[in-house]
């Protein structure tokens, strides 16, 4: 889709009424030459485009600031998640994620038009799930999908242990219906899911069971428990939960925000977080994490939030 194709609003003229709105470029599909048509009249652009509804067909795809594998990763689109595509430059699609509106570039070959893909019905709720050729764990494996990926499943197989997907079978213990909070180890709490991720590698921009950053971990586990969350730490601090009063003890499931970092308490003293210090998801004493931040900032903890 070249720029002529992207400028698919025809010759309709848009008038900017008053000064341009202040916008967050992370979640506003606007660049120097092109913008989402929904921004017409709010932000000026030489061209406006109507997004093409796409869906991630790859197990996952990193989203980057610019088109090219050497550019910084800023987020990740998971299998079955929606993507509104506004332009294609070479091998890279530009647009925004359906889940959180995050804007960026990803390989166009990771996408398929929504009309060509079934509507997802289930989420991968285990750290990873294997898609088998037959409804038998001894059969061949077609692919591996990370926690957070979305798939379309049919009825259970005759042995009731597998669900049929578009291609292959997934074990019932590895998926959960979309809209139903994930239950892990007898609990549907976010802390139980976060504990399951201990040892997962730290990946800047990642938000899947195969690798994630601090806010990616929080967003993914909250999504699995039915809570919508924005992508980045500062956005989460502004949008999630209620402030915990000074002097009040922390509880399991509380969020603690540091400068450019976030973690989730598993009890009153320990925190689980994806961090670059250990390069993985780890559980530490909160006092140890605070001490590391105190070495570089006067305010190690910016906020403490309770979701319910």
C-alpha atoms as a PDB file:
ATOM      1  CA  UNK A   1       0.000   0.000   0.000  1.00  0.00           C
ATOM      2  CA  UNK A   2       1.849   3.129  -1.207  1.00  0.00           C
ATOM      3  CA  UNK A   3       1.034   6.663  -0.168  1.00  0.00           C
ATOM      4  CA  UNK A   4      -1.517   7.075  -2.959  1.00  0.00           C
ATOM      5  CA  UNK A   5      -3.346   4.021  -1.697  1.00  0.00           C
ATOM      6  CA  UNK A   6      -2.980   5.195   1.893  1.00  0.00           C
ATOM      7  CA  UNK A   7      -4.599   8.520   0.992  1.00  0.00           C
ATOM      8  CA  UNK A   8      -7.904   6.713   0.620  1.00  0.00           C
ATOM      9  CA  UNK A   9     -10.190   9.484   1.757  1.00  0.00           C
ATOM     10  CA  UNK A  10     -10.518  10.766  -1.782  1.00  0.00           C
ATOM     11  CA  UNK A  11     -10.605  14.515  -2.216  1.00  0.00           C
ATOM     12  CA  UNK A  12     -12.591  15.266   0.894  1.00  0.00           C
ATOM     13  CA  UNK A  13     -11.354  18.482   2.495  1.00  0.00           C
ATOM     14  CA  UNK A  14     -10.850  18.722   6.243  1.00  0.00           C
ATOM     15  CA  UNK A  15     -10.697  21.966   8.154  1.00  0.00           C
ATOM     16  CA  UNK A  16      -8.684  22.327  11.361  1.00  0.00           C
ATOM     17  CA  UNK A  17     -10.797  24.211  13.882  1.00  0.00           C
ATOM     18  CA  UNK A  18      -8.571  26.113  16.314  1.00  0.00           C
ATOM     19  CA  UNK A  19      -5.113  25.027  17.484  1.00  0.00           C
ATOM     20  CA  UNK A  20      -4.007  21.418  17.183  1.00  0.00           C
ATOM     21  CA  UNK A  21      -4.728  19.186  20.152  1.00  0.00           C
ATOM     22  CA  UNK A  22      -1.867  18.120  22.397  1.00  0.00           C
ATOM     23  CA  UNK A  23      -1.341  14.422  21.809  1.00  0.00           C
ATOM     24  CA  UNK A  24       0.702  11.487  23.023  1.00  0.00           C
ATOM     25  CA  UNK A  25       2.571  10.128  19.964  1.00  0.00           C
ATOM     26  CA  UNK A  26       2.638   6.639  21.497  1.00  0.00           C
ATOM     27  CA  UNK A  27      -1.123   6.278  21.092  1.00  0.00           C
ATOM     28  CA  UNK A  28      -1.894   8.795  18.345  1.00  0.00           C
ATOM     29  CA  UNK A  29      -1.491   7.582  14.762  1.00  0.00           C
ATOM     30  CA  UNK A  30       0.041  10.746  13.350  1.00  0.00           C
ATOM     31  CA  UNK A  31       3.336  11.255  11.550  1.00  0.00           C
ATOM     32  CA  UNK A  32       4.695  13.977   9.286  1.00  0.00           C
ATOM     33  CA  UNK A  33       3.023  12.789   6.104  1.00  0.00           C
ATOM     34  CA  UNK A  34       0.030  10.729   7.250  1.00  0.00           C
ATOM     35  CA  UNK A  35      -2.536  10.377  10.027  1.00  0.00           C
ATOM     36  CA  UNK A  36      -5.534   8.268  10.944  1.00  0.00           C
ATOM     37  CA  UNK A  37      -8.706   9.742   9.471  1.00  0.00           C
ATOM     38  CA  UNK A  38     -10.198   9.942  12.978  1.00  0.00           C
ATOM     39  CA  UNK A  39      -7.699  12.752  13.651  1.00  0.00           C
ATOM     40  CA  UNK A  40      -8.934  14.930  10.792  1.00  0.00           C
ATOM     41  CA  UNK A  41     -10.002  18.293  12.137  1.00  0.00           C
ATOM     42  CA  UNK A  42      -7.897  17.759  15.274  1.00  0.00           C
ATOM     43  CA  UNK A  43      -4.354  17.336  13.936  1.00  0.00           C
ATOM     44  CA  UNK A  44      -3.048  18.495  10.561  1.00  0.00           C
ATOM     45  CA  UNK A  45      -1.554  16.004   8.110  1.00  0.00           C
ATOM     46  CA  UNK A  46      -1.048  16.171   4.324  1.00  0.00           C
ATOM     47  CA  UNK A  47      -2.920  12.868   4.014  1.00  0.00           C
ATOM     48  CA  UNK A  48      -5.428  10.952   6.110  1.00  0.00           C
ATOM     49  CA  UNK A  49      -6.056   7.215   5.841  1.00  0.00           C
ATOM     50  CA  UNK A  50      -8.828   4.867   6.868  1.00  0.00           C
ATOM     51  CA  UNK A  51      -7.221   1.952   8.752  1.00  0.00           C
ATOM     52  CA  UNK A  52      -7.301  -1.524   7.258  1.00  0.00           C
ATOM     53  CA  UNK A  53      -8.401  -4.086   9.893  1.00  0.00           C
ATOM     54  CA  UNK A  54      -5.637  -6.668  10.284  1.00  0.00           C
ATOM     55  CA  UNK A  55      -4.816  -9.423  12.756  1.00  0.00           C
ATOM     56  CA  UNK A  56      -1.508 -10.905  13.891  1.00  0.00           C
ATOM     57  CA  UNK A  57      -0.979 -14.305  12.229  1.00  0.00           C
ATOM     58  CA  UNK A  58       2.550 -14.877  13.578  1.00  0.00           C
ATOM     59  CA  UNK A  59       3.111 -16.198  17.113  1.00  0.00           C
ATOM     60  CA  UNK A  60       4.207 -12.658  17.990  1.00  0.00           C
ATOM     61  CA  UNK A  61       5.786  -9.605  16.360  1.00  0.00           C
ATOM     62  CA  UNK A  62       7.793  -6.804  17.927  1.00  0.00           C
ATOM     63  CA  UNK A  63       6.545  -3.293  17.220  1.00  0.00           C
ATOM     64  CA  UNK A  64       9.280  -0.753  16.491  1.00  0.00           C
ATOM     65  CA  UNK A  65       9.609   3.026  16.434  1.00  0.00           C
ATOM     66  CA  UNK A  66      10.634   2.906  12.776  1.00  0.00           C
ATOM     67  CA  UNK A  67      10.414   0.312  10.034  1.00  0.00           C
ATOM     68  CA  UNK A  68      13.508  -1.883  10.228  1.00  0.00           C
ATOM     69  CA  UNK A  69      14.688  -4.679  12.486  1.00  0.00           C
ATOM     70  CA  UNK A  70      17.539  -2.584  13.874  1.00  0.00           C
ATOM     71  CA  UNK A  71      15.232   0.117  15.262  1.00  0.00           C
ATOM     72  CA  UNK A  72      14.145   0.169  18.905  1.00  0.00           C
ATOM     73  CA  UNK A  73      11.338  -2.173  19.916  1.00  0.00           C
ATOM     74  CA  UNK A  74       8.560  -0.376  21.795  1.00  0.00           C
ATOM     75  CA  UNK A  75       5.878  -3.041  22.185  1.00  0.00           C
ATOM     76  CA  UNK A  76       4.699  -6.357  20.813  1.00  0.00           C
ATOM     77  CA  UNK A  77       1.647  -7.658  18.959  1.00  0.00           C
ATOM     78  CA  UNK A  78       0.604 -11.204  19.871  1.00  0.00           C
ATOM     79  CA  UNK A  79      -1.024 -13.880  17.764  1.00  0.00           C
ATOM     80  CA  UNK A  80      -4.714 -13.150  17.218  1.00  0.00           C
ATOM     81  CA  UNK A  81      -4.553  -9.511  18.336  1.00  0.00           C
ATOM     82  CA  UNK A  82      -5.982  -6.796  16.073  1.00  0.00           C
ATOM     83  CA  UNK A  83      -3.911  -4.157  14.287  1.00  0.00           C
ATOM     84  CA  UNK A  84      -5.233  -1.137  12.383  1.00  0.00           C
ATOM     85  CA  UNK A  85      -2.898  -0.712   9.403  1.00  0.00           C
ATOM     86  CA  UNK A  86      -2.555   2.746   7.885  1.00  0.00           C
ATOM     87  CA  UNK A  87       0.427   2.348   5.555  1.00  0.00           C
ATOM     88  CA  UNK A  88       2.996  -0.118   4.237  1.00  0.00           C
ATOM     89  CA  UNK A  89       6.562   0.986   3.553  1.00  0.00           C
ATOM     90  CA  UNK A  90       8.610  -1.822   2.047  1.00  0.00           C
ATOM     91  CA  UNK A  91       8.205  -4.831   4.342  1.00  0.00           C
ATOM     92  CA  UNK A  92       6.876  -2.789   7.263  1.00  0.00           C
ATOM     93  CA  UNK A  93       3.313  -1.912   8.194  1.00  0.00           C
ATOM     94  CA  UNK A  94       2.532   1.241  10.160  1.00  0.00           C
ATOM     95  CA  UNK A  95      -0.539   1.583  12.344  1.00  0.00           C
ATOM     96  CA  UNK A  96      -1.782   0.925  15.854  1.00  0.00           C
ATOM     97  CA  UNK A  97      -2.715  -1.981  18.111  1.00  0.00           C
ATOM     98  CA  UNK A  98      -6.340  -2.780  18.806  1.00  0.00           C
ATOM     99  CA  UNK A  99      -5.742  -3.650  22.450  1.00  0.00           C
ATOM    100  CA  UNK A 100      -4.114  -0.429  23.669  1.00  0.00           C
ATOM    101  CA  UNK A 101      -3.818   1.911  20.663  1.00  0.00           C
ATOM    102  CA  UNK A 102      -0.024   1.728  20.649  1.00  0.00           C
ATOM    103  CA  UNK A 103       1.455   3.090  17.404  1.00  0.00           C
ATOM    104  CA  UNK A 104       4.410   1.684  15.518  1.00  0.00           C
ATOM    105  CA  UNK A 105       5.845  -0.479  12.773  1.00  0.00           C
ATOM    106  CA  UNK A 106       5.899  -4.265  12.462  1.00  0.00           C
ATOM    107  CA  UNK A 107       6.665  -6.725   9.646  1.00  0.00           C
ATOM    108  CA  UNK A 108       3.744  -6.768   7.235  1.00  0.00           C
ATOM    109  CA  UNK A 109       4.115 -10.532   6.734  1.00  0.00           C
ATOM    110  CA  UNK A 110       3.077 -11.018  10.389  1.00  0.00           C
ATOM    111  CA  UNK A 111      -0.404  -9.695   9.541  1.00  0.00           C
ATOM    112  CA  UNK A 112      -3.476 -11.005   7.773  1.00  0.00           C
ATOM    113  CA  UNK A 113      -6.712  -9.213   6.956  1.00  0.00           C
ATOM    114  CA  UNK A 114      -9.330  -9.823   9.622  1.00  0.00           C
ATOM    115  CA  UNK A 115     -11.720 -11.199   6.997  1.00  0.00           C
ATOM    116  CA  UNK A 116      -9.245 -14.023   6.325  1.00  0.00           C
ATOM    117  CA  UNK A 117      -8.787 -14.998   9.970  1.00  0.00           C
ATOM    118  CA  UNK A 118     -11.343 -16.378  12.451  1.00  0.00           C
ATOM    119  CA  UNK A 119     -12.431 -14.281  15.415  1.00  0.00           C
ATOM    120  CA  UNK A 120     -10.396 -15.408  18.457  1.00  0.00           C
ATOM    121  CA  UNK A 121     -12.367 -17.163  21.189  1.00  0.00           C
ATOM    122  CA  UNK A 122      -9.634 -18.167  23.653  1.00  0.00           C
ATOM    123  CA  UNK A 123      -6.479 -16.804  25.263  1.00  0.00           C
ATOM    124  CA  UNK A 124      -3.292 -18.745  25.941  1.00  0.00           C
ATOM    125  CA  UNK A 125      -3.305 -18.716  29.743  1.00  0.00           C
ATOM    126  CA  UNK A 126      -0.280 -20.945  30.323  1.00  0.00           C
ATOM    127  CA  UNK A 127       3.227 -19.561  29.967  1.00  0.00           C
ATOM    128  CA  UNK A 128       3.211 -21.168  26.504  1.00  0.00           C
ATOM    129  CA  UNK A 129       0.994 -23.575  24.575  1.00  0.00           C
ATOM    130  CA  UNK A 130       1.839 -26.125  21.904  1.00  0.00           C
ATOM    131  CA  UNK A 131      -0.407 -26.627  18.896  1.00  0.00           C
ATOM    132  CA  UNK A 132      -0.445 -30.344  18.093  1.00  0.00           C
ATOM    133  CA  UNK A 133      -1.173 -31.977  14.739  1.00  0.00           C
ATOM    134  CA  UNK A 134      -3.649 -34.346  16.379  1.00  0.00           C
ATOM    135  CA  UNK A 135      -5.596 -34.249  19.687  1.00  0.00           C
ATOM    136  CA  UNK A 136      -2.817 -36.269  21.309  1.00  0.00           C
ATOM    137  CA  UNK A 137       0.178 -34.986  23.249  1.00  0.00           C
ATOM    138  CA  UNK A 138       2.321 -37.641  21.537  1.00  0.00           C
ATOM    139  CA  UNK A 139       1.583 -36.247  18.082  1.00  0.00           C
ATOM    140  CA  UNK A 140       3.721 -33.734  16.211  1.00  0.00           C
ATOM    141  CA  UNK A 141       3.889 -30.084  17.225  1.00  0.00           C
ATOM    142  CA  UNK A 142       2.913 -27.485  14.625  1.00  0.00           C
ATOM    143  CA  UNK A 143       3.817 -24.333  16.533  1.00  0.00           C
ATOM    144  CA  UNK A 144       4.253 -22.768  19.953  1.00  0.00           C
ATOM    145  CA  UNK A 145       2.215 -19.783  21.132  1.00  0.00           C
ATOM    146  CA  UNK A 146       3.134 -17.599  24.126  1.00  0.00           C
ATOM    147  CA  UNK A 147       0.959 -16.571  27.061  1.00  0.00           C
ATOM    148  CA  UNK A 148      -1.381 -13.798  26.001  1.00  0.00           C
ATOM    149  CA  UNK A 149      -1.838 -14.999  22.405  1.00  0.00           C
ATOM    150  CA  UNK A 150      -5.385 -15.363  21.090  1.00  0.00           C
ATOM    151  CA  UNK A 151      -6.749 -18.269  19.057  1.00  0.00           C
ATOM    152  CA  UNK A 152     -10.063 -19.442  17.641  1.00  0.00           C
ATOM    153  CA  UNK A 153     -11.119 -22.784  19.116  1.00  0.00           C
ATOM    154  CA  UNK A 154     -13.958 -25.128  18.286  1.00  0.00           C
ATOM    155  CA  UNK A 155     -15.562 -27.816  20.385  1.00  0.00           C
ATOM    156  CA  UNK A 156     -13.577 -30.177  22.572  1.00  0.00           C
ATOM    157  CA  UNK A 157     -12.295 -33.369  20.999  1.00  0.00           C
ATOM    158  CA  UNK A 158     -13.720 -36.769  21.856  1.00  0.00           C
ATOM    159  CA  UNK A 159     -11.335 -37.211  24.762  1.00  0.00           C
ATOM    160  CA  UNK A 160     -12.221 -33.706  26.051  1.00  0.00           C
ATOM    161  CA  UNK A 161      -8.571 -32.805  26.604  1.00  0.00           C
ATOM    162  CA  UNK A 162      -8.007 -30.823  23.395  1.00  0.00           C
ATOM    163  CA  UNK A 163      -9.716 -28.033  21.495  1.00  0.00           C
ATOM    164  CA  UNK A 164      -9.552 -27.827  17.733  1.00  0.00           C
ATOM    165  CA  UNK A 165      -8.046 -24.643  16.322  1.00  0.00           C
ATOM    166  CA  UNK A 166      -7.942 -23.515  12.703  1.00  0.00           C
ATOM    167  CA  UNK A 167      -4.849 -25.662  12.286  1.00  0.00           C
ATOM    168  CA  UNK A 168      -4.128 -28.247  14.939  1.00  0.00           C
ATOM    169  CA  UNK A 169      -5.198 -28.843  18.528  1.00  0.00           C
ATOM    170  CA  UNK A 170      -4.449 -27.125  21.833  1.00  0.00           C
ATOM    171  CA  UNK A 171      -4.743 -28.684  25.288  1.00  0.00           C
ATOM    172  CA  UNK A 172      -7.662 -27.387  27.358  1.00  0.00           C
ATOM    173  CA  UNK A 173      -5.357 -26.644  30.307  1.00  0.00           C
ATOM    174  CA  UNK A 174      -3.445 -24.094  28.260  1.00  0.00           C
ATOM    175  CA  UNK A 175      -6.337 -21.840  27.226  1.00  0.00           C
ATOM    176  CA  UNK A 176      -9.135 -19.798  28.718  1.00  0.00           C
ATOM    177  CA  UNK A 177     -12.195 -18.325  27.037  1.00  0.00           C
ATOM    178  CA  UNK A 178     -11.837 -14.648  26.244  1.00  0.00           C
ATOM    179  CA  UNK A 179     -13.764 -12.652  28.813  1.00  0.00           C
ATOM    180  CA  UNK A 180     -13.417 -15.290  31.529  1.00  0.00           C
ATOM    181  CA  UNK A 181     -10.776 -14.447  34.162  1.00  0.00           C
ATOM    182  CA  UNK A 182      -7.892 -16.897  34.075  1.00  0.00           C
ATOM    183  CA  UNK A 183      -7.684 -19.218  37.062  1.00  0.00           C
ATOM    184  CA  UNK A 184      -4.206 -20.457  37.943  1.00  0.00           C
ATOM    185  CA  UNK A 185      -3.354 -22.688  40.880  1.00  0.00           C
ATOM    186  CA  UNK A 186      -6.816 -22.149  42.360  1.00  0.00           C
ATOM    187  CA  UNK A 187      -6.613 -18.365  42.160  1.00  0.00           C
ATOM    188  CA  UNK A 188      -7.733 -15.796  39.616  1.00  0.00           C
ATOM    189  CA  UNK A 189      -5.473 -13.121  41.090  1.00  0.00           C
ATOM    190  CA  UNK A 190      -2.853 -11.263  39.094  1.00  0.00           C
ATOM    191  CA  UNK A 191      -0.142 -12.206  41.607  1.00  0.00           C
ATOM    192  CA  UNK A 192      -0.621 -15.923  40.929  1.00  0.00           C
ATOM    193  CA  UNK A 193      -0.197 -15.351  37.192  1.00  0.00           C
ATOM    194  CA  UNK A 194       2.855 -13.147  37.700  1.00  0.00           C
ATOM    195  CA  UNK A 195       4.485 -15.808  39.861  1.00  0.00           C
ATOM    196  CA  UNK A 196       4.031 -18.264  36.999  1.00  0.00           C
ATOM    197  CA  UNK A 197       6.248 -15.992  34.883  1.00  0.00           C
ATOM    198  CA  UNK A 198       9.275 -16.073  37.212  1.00  0.00           C
ATOM    199  CA  UNK A 199      12.353 -16.845  35.137  1.00  0.00           C
ATOM    200  CA  UNK A 200      10.921 -15.525  31.861  1.00  0.00           C
ATOM    201  CA  UNK A 201      13.585 -13.432  30.096  1.00  0.00           C
ATOM    202  CA  UNK A 202      13.536  -9.660  30.232  1.00  0.00           C
ATOM    203  CA  UNK A 203      12.837  -8.217  26.789  1.00  0.00           C
ATOM    204  CA  UNK A 204      12.538  -4.493  26.152  1.00  0.00           C
ATOM    205  CA  UNK A 205       9.194  -3.987  24.418  1.00  0.00           C
ATOM    206  CA  UNK A 206       8.089  -7.567  25.076  1.00  0.00           C
ATOM    207  CA  UNK A 207       4.680  -8.435  26.488  1.00  0.00           C
ATOM    208  CA  UNK A 208       4.344 -12.194  26.041  1.00  0.00           C
ATOM    209  CA  UNK A 209       5.239 -15.345  27.920  1.00  0.00           C
ATOM    210  CA  UNK A 210       8.403 -15.611  25.819  1.00  0.00           C
ATOM    211  CA  UNK A 211       9.885 -12.334  27.063  1.00  0.00           C
ATOM    212  CA  UNK A 212       8.645  -9.068  28.514  1.00  0.00           C
ATOM    213  CA  UNK A 213       9.489  -5.801  30.187  1.00  0.00           C
ATOM    214  CA  UNK A 214       8.076  -4.483  33.467  1.00  0.00           C
ATOM    215  CA  UNK A 215       4.950  -2.796  32.112  1.00  0.00           C
ATOM    216  CA  UNK A 216       4.455  -5.596  29.591  1.00  0.00           C
ATOM    217  CA  UNK A 217       4.225  -8.073  32.469  1.00  0.00           C
ATOM    218  CA  UNK A 218       1.677  -5.937  34.306  1.00  0.00           C
ATOM    219  CA  UNK A 219      -0.410  -5.322  31.181  1.00  0.00           C
ATOM    220  CA  UNK A 220      -0.469  -8.992  30.221  1.00  0.00           C
ATOM    221  CA  UNK A 221      -1.431 -10.418  33.617  1.00  0.00           C
ATOM    222  CA  UNK A 222      -4.086  -7.754  34.170  1.00  0.00           C
ATOM    223  CA  UNK A 223      -5.524  -8.491  30.733  1.00  0.00           C
ATOM    224  CA  UNK A 224      -5.707 -12.180  31.638  1.00  0.00           C
ATOM    225  CA  UNK A 225      -7.641 -11.322  34.797  1.00  0.00           C
ATOM    226  CA  UNK A 226     -10.091  -9.105  32.896  1.00  0.00           C
ATOM    227  CA  UNK A 227      -8.560  -5.682  33.643  1.00  0.00           C
ATOM    228  CA  UNK A 228      -7.777  -3.312  30.763  1.00  0.00           C
ATOM    229  CA  UNK A 229      -4.371  -1.672  31.071  1.00  0.00           C
ATOM    230  CA  UNK A 230      -2.407   0.796  28.949  1.00  0.00           C
ATOM    231  CA  UNK A 231       1.048  -0.202  27.734  1.00  0.00           C
ATOM    232  CA  UNK A 232       3.686   1.938  29.470  1.00  0.00           C
ATOM    233  CA  UNK A 233       4.544   2.491  33.127  1.00  0.00           C
ATOM    234  CA  UNK A 234       3.579   6.176  33.276  1.00  0.00           C
ATOM    235  CA  UNK A 235       0.280   5.435  31.531  1.00  0.00           C
ATOM    236  CA  UNK A 236      -0.447   2.615  33.980  1.00  0.00           C
ATOM    237  CA  UNK A 237       0.376   4.789  36.977  1.00  0.00           C
ATOM    238  CA  UNK A 238      -2.118   7.395  35.761  1.00  0.00           C
ATOM    239  CA  UNK A 239      -4.887   4.966  34.800  1.00  0.00           C
ATOM    240  CA  UNK A 240      -4.817   2.010  37.181  1.00  0.00           C
ATOM    241  CA  UNK A 241      -6.136   1.563  40.689  1.00  0.00           C
ATOM    242  CA  UNK A 242      -6.441   3.820  43.696  1.00  0.00           C
ATOM    243  CA  UNK A 243      -3.626   5.359  45.720  1.00  0.00           C
ATOM    244  CA  UNK A 244      -2.698   3.473  48.890  1.00  0.00           C
ATOM    245  CA  UNK A 245      -2.538   5.762  51.901  1.00  0.00           C
ATOM    246  CA  UNK A 246       0.854   6.501  53.458  1.00  0.00           C
ATOM    247  CA  UNK A 247       1.544   4.115  56.279  1.00  0.00           C
ATOM    248  CA  UNK A 248      -0.907   1.488  55.052  1.00  0.00           C
ATOM    249  CA  UNK A 249       0.609  -1.945  54.525  1.00  0.00           C
ATOM    250  CA  UNK A 250       0.895  -3.319  51.031  1.00  0.00           C
ATOM    251  CA  UNK A 251      -1.133  -6.386  50.065  1.00  0.00           C
ATOM    252  CA  UNK A 252      -0.831  -9.194  47.543  1.00  0.00           C
ATOM    253  CA  UNK A 253      -1.727  -7.806  44.110  1.00  0.00           C
ATOM    254  CA  UNK A 254      -0.839  -4.150  44.826  1.00  0.00           C
ATOM    255  CA  UNK A 255       1.176  -2.251  42.227  1.00  0.00           C
ATOM    256  CA  UNK A 256       4.301  -0.291  43.117  1.00  0.00           C
ATOM    257  CA  UNK A 257       5.634   2.307  40.681  1.00  0.00           C
ATOM    258  CA  UNK A 258       9.242   3.475  40.508  1.00  0.00           C
ATOM    259  CA  UNK A 259      10.884   5.835  37.981  1.00  0.00           C
ATOM    260  CA  UNK A 260      10.213   4.089  34.645  1.00  0.00           C
ATOM    261  CA  UNK A 261       9.462   0.802  36.393  1.00  0.00           C
ATOM    262  CA  UNK A 262       6.571  -1.129  37.934  1.00  0.00           C
ATOM    263  CA  UNK A 263       6.120  -4.347  39.870  1.00  0.00           C
ATOM    264  CA  UNK A 264       3.384  -6.295  41.621  1.00  0.00           C
ATOM    265  CA  UNK A 265       3.415  -7.311  45.267  1.00  0.00           C
ATOM    266  CA  UNK A 266       3.020 -11.000  46.113  1.00  0.00           C
ATOM    267  CA  UNK A 267       2.780 -10.223  49.836  1.00  0.00           C
ATOM    268  CA  UNK A 268       3.484  -7.240  52.084  1.00  0.00           C
ATOM    269  CA  UNK A 269       7.259  -7.472  51.628  1.00  0.00           C
ATOM    270  CA  UNK A 270       8.081  -9.081  48.270  1.00  0.00           C
ATOM    271  CA  UNK A 271       7.576  -7.905  44.714  1.00  0.00           C
ATOM    272  CA  UNK A 272       7.521  -9.740  41.386  1.00  0.00           C
ATOM    273  CA  UNK A 273       8.743  -7.755  38.404  1.00  0.00           C
ATOM    274  CA  UNK A 274      10.412  -8.044  35.001  1.00  0.00           C
ATOM    275  CA  UNK A 275      13.693  -6.196  35.420  1.00  0.00           C
ATOM    276  CA  UNK A 276      16.952  -5.529  33.618  1.00  0.00           C
ATOM    277  CA  UNK A 277      18.986  -5.981  36.829  1.00  0.00           C
ATOM    278  CA  UNK A 278      18.448  -9.760  36.778  1.00  0.00           C
ATOM    279  CA  UNK A 279      17.387  -9.791  33.094  1.00  0.00           C
ATOM    280  CA  UNK A 280      14.316 -11.853  33.918  1.00  0.00           C
ATOM    281  CA  UNK A 281      11.086 -11.886  35.886  1.00  0.00           C
ATOM    282  CA  UNK A 282      12.133 -12.276  39.501  1.00  0.00           C
ATOM    283  CA  UNK A 283      10.823 -12.063  43.059  1.00  0.00           C
ATOM    284  CA  UNK A 284      12.733  -9.804  45.438  1.00  0.00           C
ATOM    285  CA  UNK A 285      12.276  -8.054  48.721  1.00  0.00           C
ATOM    286  CA  UNK A 286      10.788  -4.628  48.072  1.00  0.00           C
ATOM    287  CA  UNK A 287      13.454  -3.039  50.292  1.00  0.00           C
ATOM    288  CA  UNK A 288      16.187  -4.361  47.974  1.00  0.00           C
ATOM    289  CA  UNK A 289      14.526  -2.871  44.892  1.00  0.00           C
ATOM    290  CA  UNK A 290      14.008   0.457  46.670  1.00  0.00           C
ATOM    291  CA  UNK A 291      17.673   0.490  47.672  1.00  0.00           C
ATOM    292  CA  UNK A 292      18.783   0.125  44.047  1.00  0.00           C
ATOM    293  CA  UNK A 293      16.598   3.031  42.933  1.00  0.00           C
ATOM    294  CA  UNK A 294      17.656   5.133  45.921  1.00  0.00           C
ATOM    295  CA  UNK A 295      21.208   5.055  44.572  1.00  0.00           C
ATOM    296  CA  UNK A 296      20.123   7.123  41.549  1.00  0.00           C
ATOM    297  CA  UNK A 297      16.965   9.013  42.588  1.00  0.00           C
ATOM    298  CA  UNK A 298      15.641  10.895  45.606  1.00  0.00           C
ATOM    299  CA  UNK A 299      12.170   9.372  45.203  1.00  0.00           C
ATOM    300  CA  UNK A 300      12.443   5.629  44.599  1.00  0.00           C
ATOM    301  CA  UNK A 301       8.698   4.975  44.908  1.00  0.00           C
ATOM    302  CA  UNK A 302       6.440   7.246  42.872  1.00  0.00           C
ATOM    303  CA  UNK A 303       3.105   5.604  43.670  1.00  0.00           C
ATOM    304  CA  UNK A 304       1.449   2.614  45.312  1.00  0.00           C
ATOM    305  CA  UNK A 305      -1.824   1.510  43.746  1.00  0.00           C
ATOM    306  CA  UNK A 306      -4.548  -0.961  44.704  1.00  0.00           C
ATOM    307  CA  UNK A 307      -6.749  -2.373  41.973  1.00  0.00           C
ATOM    308  CA  UNK A 308      -9.643  -3.437  44.197  1.00  0.00           C
END
